[in-house]
């Protein structure tokens, strides 16, 4: 492979890498923009709406903890049988 072919391949690889990185950057920017808008909308919520949202989040956390506890209990029972 000659020098010309080497550089042609190298620049082609860089071009493909740049395109792929640009797609990643666009996706990250869109995600950051959406998160900022969500934060802004949440900041505009009334206190009663904010309390209701926080209560929903706490209930979800309690449900997840109960599921983890049930799974751990099942593992304990399985370990005791062996």
PDB file of N, CA and C in Angstrom:
ATOM      1  N   UNK A   1       0.855  -1.162   0.000  1.00  0.00           N
ATOM      2  CA  UNK A   1       0.000   0.000   0.000  1.00  0.00           C
ATOM      3  C   UNK A   1       0.906   1.231   0.000  1.00  0.00           C
ATOM      4  N   UNK A   2       0.613   2.108  -0.915  1.00  0.00           N
ATOM      5  CA  UNK A   2       1.430   3.307  -1.031  1.00  0.00           C
ATOM      6  C   UNK A   2       0.993   4.382  -0.053  1.00  0.00           C
ATOM      7  N   UNK A   3       1.751   5.423   0.001  1.00  0.00           N
ATOM      8  CA  UNK A   3       1.485   6.548   0.899  1.00  0.00           C
ATOM      9  C   UNK A   3       0.135   7.183   0.566  1.00  0.00           C
ATOM     10  N   UNK A   4      -0.121   7.332  -0.754  1.00  0.00           N
ATOM     11  CA  UNK A   4      -1.366   7.960  -1.177  1.00  0.00           C
ATOM     12  C   UNK A   4      -2.571   7.151  -0.694  1.00  0.00           C
ATOM     13  N   UNK A   5      -2.533   5.847  -0.843  1.00  0.00           N
ATOM     14  CA  UNK A   5      -3.632   4.984  -0.403  1.00  0.00           C
ATOM     15  C   UNK A   5      -3.768   5.005   1.111  1.00  0.00           C
ATOM     16  N   UNK A   6      -2.630   5.050   1.802  1.00  0.00           N
ATOM     17  CA  UNK A   6      -2.657   5.100   3.263  1.00  0.00           C
ATOM     18  C   UNK A   6      -3.398   6.340   3.756  1.00  0.00           C
ATOM     19  N   UNK A   7      -3.028   7.504   3.201  1.00  0.00           N
ATOM     20  CA  UNK A   7      -3.658   8.748   3.638  1.00  0.00           C
ATOM     21  C   UNK A   7      -5.122   8.805   3.209  1.00  0.00           C
ATOM     22  N   UNK A   8      -5.437   8.262   2.043  1.00  0.00           N
ATOM     23  CA  UNK A   8      -6.812   8.242   1.569  1.00  0.00           C
ATOM     24  C   UNK A   8      -7.671   7.425   2.532  1.00  0.00           C
ATOM     25  N   UNK A   9      -7.170   6.281   2.970  1.00  0.00           N
ATOM     26  CA  UNK A   9      -7.900   5.434   3.923  1.00  0.00           C
ATOM     27  C   UNK A   9      -7.992   6.115   5.284  1.00  0.00           C
ATOM     28  N   UNK A  10      -6.915   6.738   5.720  1.00  0.00           N
ATOM     29  CA  UNK A  10      -6.907   7.405   7.021  1.00  0.00           C
ATOM     30  C   UNK A  10      -7.918   8.539   7.050  1.00  0.00           C
ATOM     31  N   UNK A  11      -7.953   9.358   6.006  1.00  0.00           N
ATOM     32  CA  UNK A  11      -8.902  10.470   5.983  1.00  0.00           C
ATOM     33  C   UNK A  11     -10.335   9.978   5.836  1.00  0.00           C
ATOM     34  N   UNK A  12     -10.518   8.889   5.129  1.00  0.00           N
ATOM     35  CA  UNK A  12     -11.849   8.302   5.007  1.00  0.00           C
ATOM     36  C   UNK A  12     -12.339   7.810   6.375  1.00  0.00           C
ATOM     37  N   UNK A  13     -11.449   7.156   7.122  1.00  0.00           N
ATOM     38  CA  UNK A  13     -11.797   6.689   8.465  1.00  0.00           C
ATOM     39  C   UNK A  13     -12.129   7.857   9.392  1.00  0.00           C
ATOM     40  N   UNK A  14     -11.343   8.932   9.292  1.00  0.00           N
ATOM     41  CA  UNK A  14     -11.604  10.110  10.126  1.00  0.00           C
ATOM     42  C   UNK A  14     -12.960  10.731   9.780  1.00  0.00           C
ATOM     43  N   UNK A  15     -13.289  10.748   8.504  1.00  0.00           N
ATOM     44  CA  UNK A  15     -14.560  11.316   8.066  1.00  0.00           C
ATOM     45  C   UNK A  15     -15.728  10.503   8.626  1.00  0.00           C
ATOM     46  N   UNK A  16     -15.632   9.191   8.566  1.00  0.00           N
ATOM     47  CA  UNK A  16     -16.686   8.327   9.118  1.00  0.00           C
ATOM     48  C   UNK A  16     -16.803   8.496  10.628  1.00  0.00           C
ATOM     49  N   UNK A  17     -15.674   8.577  11.292  1.00  0.00           N
ATOM     50  CA  UNK A  17     -15.670   8.761  12.739  1.00  0.00           C
ATOM     51  C   UNK A  17     -16.301  10.098  13.124  1.00  0.00           C
ATOM     52  N   UNK A  18     -15.994  11.127  12.353  1.00  0.00           N
ATOM     53  CA  UNK A  18     -16.556  12.455  12.617  1.00  0.00           C
ATOM     54  C   UNK A  18     -18.067  12.444  12.439  1.00  0.00           C
ATOM     55  N   UNK A  19     -18.554  11.782  11.404  1.00  0.00           N
ATOM     56  CA  UNK A  19     -19.999  11.687  11.182  1.00  0.00           C
ATOM     57  C   UNK A  19     -20.674  10.958  12.338  1.00  0.00           C
ATOM     58  N   UNK A  20     -20.091   9.869  12.784  1.00  0.00           N
ATOM     59  CA  UNK A  20     -20.666   9.104  13.890  1.00  0.00           C
ATOM     60  C   UNK A  20     -20.679   9.929  15.170  1.00  0.00           C
ATOM     61  N   UNK A  21     -19.583  10.647  15.436  1.00  0.00           N
ATOM     62  CA  UNK A  21     -19.513  11.476  16.637  1.00  0.00           C
ATOM     63  C   UNK A  21     -20.525  12.617  16.566  1.00  0.00           C
ATOM     64  N   UNK A  22     -20.748  13.146  15.377  1.00  0.00           N
ATOM     65  CA  UNK A  22     -21.737  14.210  15.209  1.00  0.00           C
ATOM     66  C   UNK A  22     -23.138  13.712  15.560  1.00  0.00           C
ATOM     67  N   UNK A  23     -23.454  12.488  15.159  1.00  0.00           N
ATOM     68  CA  UNK A  23     -24.756  11.904  15.506  1.00  0.00           C
ATOM     69  C   UNK A  23     -24.900  11.752  17.014  1.00  0.00           C
ATOM     70  N   UNK A  24     -23.833  11.320  17.671  1.00  0.00           N
ATOM     71  CA  UNK A  24     -23.850  11.187  19.130  1.00  0.00           C
ATOM     72  C   UNK A  24     -24.056  12.554  19.772  1.00  0.00           C
ATOM     73  N   UNK A  25     -23.336  13.559  19.288  1.00  0.00           N
ATOM     74  CA  UNK A  25     -23.457  14.910  19.831  1.00  0.00           C
ATOM     75  C   UNK A  25     -24.872  15.460  19.641  1.00  0.00           C
ATOM     76  N   UNK A  26     -25.468  15.211  18.476  1.00  0.00           N
ATOM     77  CA  UNK A  26     -26.831  15.685  18.230  1.00  0.00           C
ATOM     78  C   UNK A  26     -27.807  15.027  19.201  1.00  0.00           C
ATOM     79  N   UNK A  27     -27.653  13.731  19.434  1.00  0.00           N
ATOM     80  CA  UNK A  27     -28.541  13.020  20.348  1.00  0.00           C
ATOM     81  C   UNK A  27     -28.369  13.523  21.775  1.00  0.00           C
ATOM     82  N   UNK A  28     -27.131  13.731  22.200  1.00  0.00           N
ATOM     83  CA  UNK A  28     -26.876  14.257  23.543  1.00  0.00           C
ATOM     84  C   UNK A  28     -27.442  15.664  23.711  1.00  0.00           C
ATOM     85  N   UNK A  29     -27.319  16.498  22.687  1.00  0.00           N
ATOM     86  CA  UNK A  29     -27.851  17.849  22.754  1.00  0.00           C
ATOM     87  C   UNK A  29     -29.371  17.820  22.852  1.00  0.00           C
ATOM     88  N   UNK A  30     -30.007  16.968  22.071  1.00  0.00           N
ATOM     89  CA  UNK A  30     -31.466  16.869  22.118  1.00  0.00           C
ATOM     90  C   UNK A  30     -31.928  16.396  23.500  1.00  0.00           C
ATOM     91  N   UNK A  31     -31.202  15.449  24.085  1.00  0.00           N
ATOM     92  CA  UNK A  31     -31.554  14.955  25.418  1.00  0.00           C
ATOM     93  C   UNK A  31     -31.387  16.048  26.463  1.00  0.00           C
ATOM     94  N   UNK A  32     -30.297  16.799  26.396  1.00  0.00           N
ATOM     95  CA  UNK A  32     -30.055  17.885  27.353  1.00  0.00           C
ATOM     96  C   UNK A  32     -31.116  18.968  27.201  1.00  0.00           C
ATOM     97  N   UNK A  33     -31.491  19.264  25.980  1.00  0.00           N
ATOM     98  CA  UNK A  33     -32.522  20.270  25.731  1.00  0.00           C
ATOM     99  C   UNK A  33     -33.863  19.820  26.311  1.00  0.00           C
ATOM    100  N   UNK A  34     -34.223  18.556  26.113  1.00  0.00           N
ATOM    101  CA  UNK A  34     -35.482  18.035  26.651  1.00  0.00           C
ATOM    102  C   UNK A  34     -35.472  18.029  28.179  1.00  0.00           C
ATOM    103  N   UNK A  35     -34.332  17.669  28.772  1.00  0.00           N
ATOM    104  CA  UNK A  35     -34.234  17.674  30.234  1.00  0.00           C
ATOM    105  C   UNK A  35     -34.369  19.085  30.787  1.00  0.00           C
ATOM    106  N   UNK A  36     -33.771  20.053  30.116  1.00  0.00           N
ATOM    107  CA  UNK A  36     -33.872  21.438  30.567  1.00  0.00           C
ATOM    108  C   UNK A  36     -35.315  21.920  30.501  1.00  0.00           C
ATOM    109  N   UNK A  37     -36.009  21.562  29.443  1.00  0.00           N
ATOM    110  CA  UNK A  37     -37.421  21.946  29.313  1.00  0.00           C
ATOM    111  C   UNK A  37     -38.256  21.278  30.396  1.00  0.00           C
ATOM    112  N   UNK A  38     -37.975  20.008  30.679  1.00  0.00           N
ATOM    113  CA  UNK A  38     -38.708  19.300  31.730  1.00  0.00           C
ATOM    114  C   UNK A  38     -38.462  19.951  33.084  1.00  0.00           C
ATOM    115  N   UNK A  39     -37.219  20.318  33.355  1.00  0.00           N
ATOM    116  CA  UNK A  39     -36.900  20.996  34.614  1.00  0.00           C
ATOM    117  C   UNK A  39     -37.635  22.326  34.715  1.00  0.00           C
ATOM    118  N   UNK A  40     -37.702  23.069  33.609  1.00  0.00           N
ATOM    119  CA  UNK A  40     -38.389  24.354  33.596  1.00  0.00           C
ATOM    120  C   UNK A  40     -39.880  24.165  33.857  1.00  0.00           C
ATOM    121  N   UNK A  41     -40.471  23.178  33.195  1.00  0.00           N
ATOM    122  CA  UNK A  41     -41.903  22.922  33.390  1.00  0.00           C
ATOM    123  C   UNK A  41     -42.195  22.473  34.819  1.00  0.00           C
ATOM    124  N   UNK A  42     -41.309  21.651  35.385  1.00  0.00           N
ATOM    125  CA  UNK A  42     -41.506  21.218  36.768  1.00  0.00           C
ATOM    126  C   UNK A  42     -41.371  22.388  37.736  1.00  0.00           C
ATOM    127  N   UNK A  43     -40.508  23.336  37.421  1.00  0.00           N
ATOM    128  CA  UNK A  43     -40.330  24.494  38.296  1.00  0.00           C
ATOM    129  C   UNK A  43     -41.570  25.383  38.290  1.00  0.00           C
ATOM    130  N   UNK A  44     -42.330  25.351  37.215  1.00  0.00           N
ATOM    131  CA  UNK A  44     -43.530  26.167  37.120  1.00  0.00           C
ATOM    132  C   UNK A  44     -44.744  25.529  37.804  1.00  0.00           C
ATOM    133  N   UNK A  45     -44.621  24.290  38.259  1.00  0.00           N
ATOM    134  CA  UNK A  45     -45.752  23.595  38.875  1.00  0.00           C
ATOM    135  C   UNK A  45     -46.163  24.291  40.170  1.00  0.00           C
ATOM    136  N   UNK A  46     -47.444  24.167  40.483  1.00  0.00           N
ATOM    137  CA  UNK A  46     -47.928  24.726  41.741  1.00  0.00           C
ATOM    138  C   UNK A  46     -47.455  23.838  42.895  1.00  0.00           C
ATOM    139  N   UNK A  47     -47.445  24.376  44.103  1.00  0.00           N
ATOM    140  CA  UNK A  47     -46.997  23.566  45.247  1.00  0.00           C
ATOM    141  C   UNK A  47     -47.801  22.285  45.429  1.00  0.00           C
ATOM    142  N   UNK A  48     -49.105  22.341  45.190  1.00  0.00           N
ATOM    143  CA  UNK A  48     -49.914  21.121  45.357  1.00  0.00           C
ATOM    144  C   UNK A  48     -49.556  20.081  44.296  1.00  0.00           C
ATOM    145  N   UNK A  49     -49.281  20.523  43.062  1.00  0.00           N
ATOM    146  CA  UNK A  49     -48.868  19.592  42.020  1.00  0.00           C
ATOM    147  C   UNK A  49     -47.508  18.985  42.348  1.00  0.00           C
ATOM    148  N   UNK A  50     -46.611  19.813  42.869  1.00  0.00           N
ATOM    149  CA  UNK A  50     -45.277  19.344  43.232  1.00  0.00           C
ATOM    150  C   UNK A  50     -45.366  18.296  44.345  1.00  0.00           C
ATOM    151  N   UNK A  51     -46.233  18.541  45.334  1.00  0.00           N
ATOM    152  CA  UNK A  51     -46.394  17.578  46.427  1.00  0.00           C
ATOM    153  C   UNK A  51     -46.965  16.268  45.906  1.00  0.00           C
ATOM    154  N   UNK A  52     -47.935  16.347  44.997  1.00  0.00           N
ATOM    155  CA  UNK A  52     -48.519  15.134  44.427  1.00  0.00           C
ATOM    156  C   UNK A  52     -47.470  14.347  43.655  1.00  0.00           C
ATOM    157  N   UNK A  53     -46.630  15.046  42.886  1.00  0.00           N
ATOM    158  CA  UNK A  53     -45.571  14.371  42.127  1.00  0.00           C
ATOM    159  C   UNK A  53     -44.579  13.697  43.061  1.00  0.00           C
ATOM    160  N   UNK A  54     -44.198  14.403  44.120  1.00  0.00           N
ATOM    161  CA  UNK A  54     -43.256  13.820  45.073  1.00  0.00           C
ATOM    162  C   UNK A  54     -43.866  12.604  45.763  1.00  0.00           C
ATOM    163  N   UNK A  55     -45.163  12.646  46.065  1.00  0.00           N
ATOM    164  CA  UNK A  55     -45.826  11.506  46.690  1.00  0.00           C
ATOM    165  C   UNK A  55     -45.824  10.306  45.750  1.00  0.00           C
ATOM    166  N   UNK A  56     -46.078  10.545  44.463  1.00  0.00           N
ATOM    167  CA  UNK A  56     -46.033   9.458  43.478  1.00  0.00           C
ATOM    168  C   UNK A  56     -44.644   8.841  43.425  1.00  0.00           C
ATOM    169  N   UNK A  57     -43.616   9.678  43.447  1.00  0.00           N
ATOM    170  CA  UNK A  57     -42.244   9.169  43.410  1.00  0.00           C
ATOM    171  C   UNK A  57     -41.934   8.343  44.655  1.00  0.00           C
ATOM    172  N   UNK A  58     -42.400   8.797  45.812  1.00  0.00           N
ATOM    173  CA  UNK A  58     -42.166   8.033  47.050  1.00  0.00           C
ATOM    174  C   UNK A  58     -42.880   6.696  46.994  1.00  0.00           C
ATOM    175  N   UNK A  59     -44.118   6.696  46.478  1.00  0.00           N
ATOM    176  CA  UNK A  59     -44.859   5.432  46.369  1.00  0.00           C
ATOM    177  C   UNK A  59     -44.157   4.465  45.426  1.00  0.00           C
ATOM    178  N   UNK A  60     -43.612   4.983  44.341  1.00  0.00           N
ATOM    179  CA  UNK A  60     -42.873   4.135  43.402  1.00  0.00           C
ATOM    180  C   UNK A  60     -41.626   3.561  44.066  1.00  0.00           C
ATOM    181  N   UNK A  61     -40.939   4.372  44.858  1.00  0.00           N
ATOM    182  CA  UNK A  61     -39.748   3.890  45.560  1.00  0.00           C
ATOM    183  C   UNK A  61     -40.114   2.826  46.585  1.00  0.00           C
ATOM    184  N   UNK A  62     -41.225   3.000  47.280  1.00  0.00           N
ATOM    185  CA  UNK A  62     -41.670   2.009  48.260  1.00  0.00           C
ATOM    186  C   UNK A  62     -42.004   0.700  47.556  1.00  0.00           C
ATOM    187  N   UNK A  63     -42.708   0.789  46.420  1.00  0.00           N
ATOM    188  CA  UNK A  63     -43.062  -0.418  45.665  1.00  0.00           C
ATOM    189  C   UNK A  63     -41.799  -1.147  45.194  1.00  0.00           C
ATOM    190  N   UNK A  64     -40.810  -0.402  44.714  1.00  0.00           N
ATOM    191  CA  UNK A  64     -39.563  -1.024  44.258  1.00  0.00           C
ATOM    192  C   UNK A  64     -38.837  -1.688  45.420  1.00  0.00           C
ATOM    193  N   UNK A  65     -38.837  -1.038  46.582  1.00  0.00           N
ATOM    194  CA  UNK A  65     -38.181  -1.620  47.754  1.00  0.00           C
ATOM    195  C   UNK A  65     -38.889  -2.896  48.194  1.00  0.00           C
ATOM    196  N   UNK A  66     -40.220  -2.894  48.134  1.00  0.00           N
ATOM    197  CA  UNK A  66     -40.974  -4.095  48.508  1.00  0.00           C
ATOM    198  C   UNK A  66     -40.689  -5.244  47.551  1.00  0.00           C
ATOM    199  N   UNK A  67     -40.546  -4.936  46.261  1.00  0.00           N
ATOM    200  CA  UNK A  67     -40.204  -5.981  45.286  1.00  0.00           C
ATOM    201  C   UNK A  67     -38.820  -6.547  45.567  1.00  0.00           C
ATOM    202  N   UNK A  68     -37.867  -5.679  45.882  1.00  0.00           N
ATOM    203  CA  UNK A  68     -36.513  -6.145  46.211  1.00  0.00           C
ATOM    204  C   UNK A  68     -36.531  -7.012  47.452  1.00  0.00           C
ATOM    205  N   UNK A  69     -37.340  -6.637  48.450  1.00  0.00           N
ATOM    206  CA  UNK A  69     -37.429  -7.410  49.684  1.00  0.00           C
ATOM    207  C   UNK A  69     -38.032  -8.783  49.403  1.00  0.00           C
ATOM    208  N   UNK A  70     -39.074  -8.832  48.569  1.00  0.00           N
ATOM    209  CA  UNK A  70     -39.693 -10.104  48.225  1.00  0.00           C
ATOM    210  C   UNK A  70     -38.705 -11.010  47.487  1.00  0.00           C
ATOM    211  N   UNK A  71     -37.927 -10.432  46.588  1.00  0.00           N
ATOM    212  CA  UNK A  71     -36.930 -11.220  45.859  1.00  0.00           C
ATOM    213  C   UNK A  71     -35.857 -11.738  46.814  1.00  0.00           C
ATOM    214  N   UNK A  72     -35.449 -10.910  47.753  1.00  0.00           N
ATOM    215  CA  UNK A  72     -34.444 -11.340  48.729  1.00  0.00           C
ATOM    216  C   UNK A  72     -34.998 -12.446  49.617  1.00  0.00           C
ATOM    217  N   UNK A  73     -36.264 -12.322  50.028  1.00  0.00           N
ATOM    218  CA  UNK A  73     -36.891 -13.366  50.840  1.00  0.00           C
ATOM    219  C   UNK A  73     -36.953 -14.684  50.079  1.00  0.00           C
ATOM    220  N   UNK A  74     -37.262 -14.617  48.787  1.00  0.00           N
ATOM    221  CA  UNK A  74     -37.308 -15.826  47.969  1.00  0.00           C
ATOM    222  C   UNK A  74     -35.926 -16.463  47.878  1.00  0.00           C
ATOM    223  N   UNK A  75     -34.897 -15.649  47.741  1.00  0.00           N
ATOM    224  CA  UNK A  75     -33.530 -16.179  47.690  1.00  0.00           C
ATOM    225  C   UNK A  75     -33.152 -16.824  49.019  1.00  0.00           C
ATOM    226  N   UNK A  76     -33.588 -16.204  50.125  1.00  0.00           N
ATOM    227  CA  UNK A  76     -33.296 -16.783  51.453  1.00  0.00           C
ATOM    228  C   UNK A  76     -33.959 -18.127  51.594  1.00  0.00           C
ATOM    229  N   UNK A  77     -35.234 -18.220  51.191  1.00  0.00           N
ATOM    230  CA  UNK A  77     -35.957 -19.485  51.277  1.00  0.00           C
ATOM    231  C   UNK A  77     -35.295 -20.554  50.407  1.00  0.00           C
ATOM    232  N   UNK A  78     -34.859 -20.177  49.207  1.00  0.00           N
ATOM    233  CA  UNK A  78     -34.199 -21.128  48.326  1.00  0.00           C
ATOM    234  C   UNK A  78     -32.872 -21.595  48.917  1.00  0.00           C
ATOM    235  N   UNK A  79     -32.159 -20.710  49.575  1.00  0.00           N
ATOM    236  CA  UNK A  79     -30.869 -21.063  50.169  1.00  0.00           C
ATOM    237  C   UNK A  79     -31.063 -21.998  51.366  1.00  0.00           C
ATOM    238  N   UNK A  80     -32.141 -21.791  52.116  1.00  0.00           N
ATOM    239  CA  UNK A  80     -32.391 -22.630  53.297  1.00  0.00           C
ATOM    240  C   UNK A  80     -32.777 -24.051  52.901  1.00  0.00           C
ATOM    241  N   UNK A  81     -33.430 -24.195  51.740  1.00  0.00           N
ATOM    242  CA  UNK A  81     -33.859 -25.526  51.297  1.00  0.00           C
ATOM    243  C   UNK A  81     -32.688 -26.373  50.839  1.00  0.00           C
ATOM    244  N   UNK A  82     -31.598 -25.726  50.440  1.00  0.00           N
ATOM    245  CA  UNK A  82     -30.438 -26.492  49.947  1.00  0.00           C
ATOM    246  C   UNK A  82     -29.569 -26.921  51.056  1.00  0.00           C
TER     247      UNK A  82
END
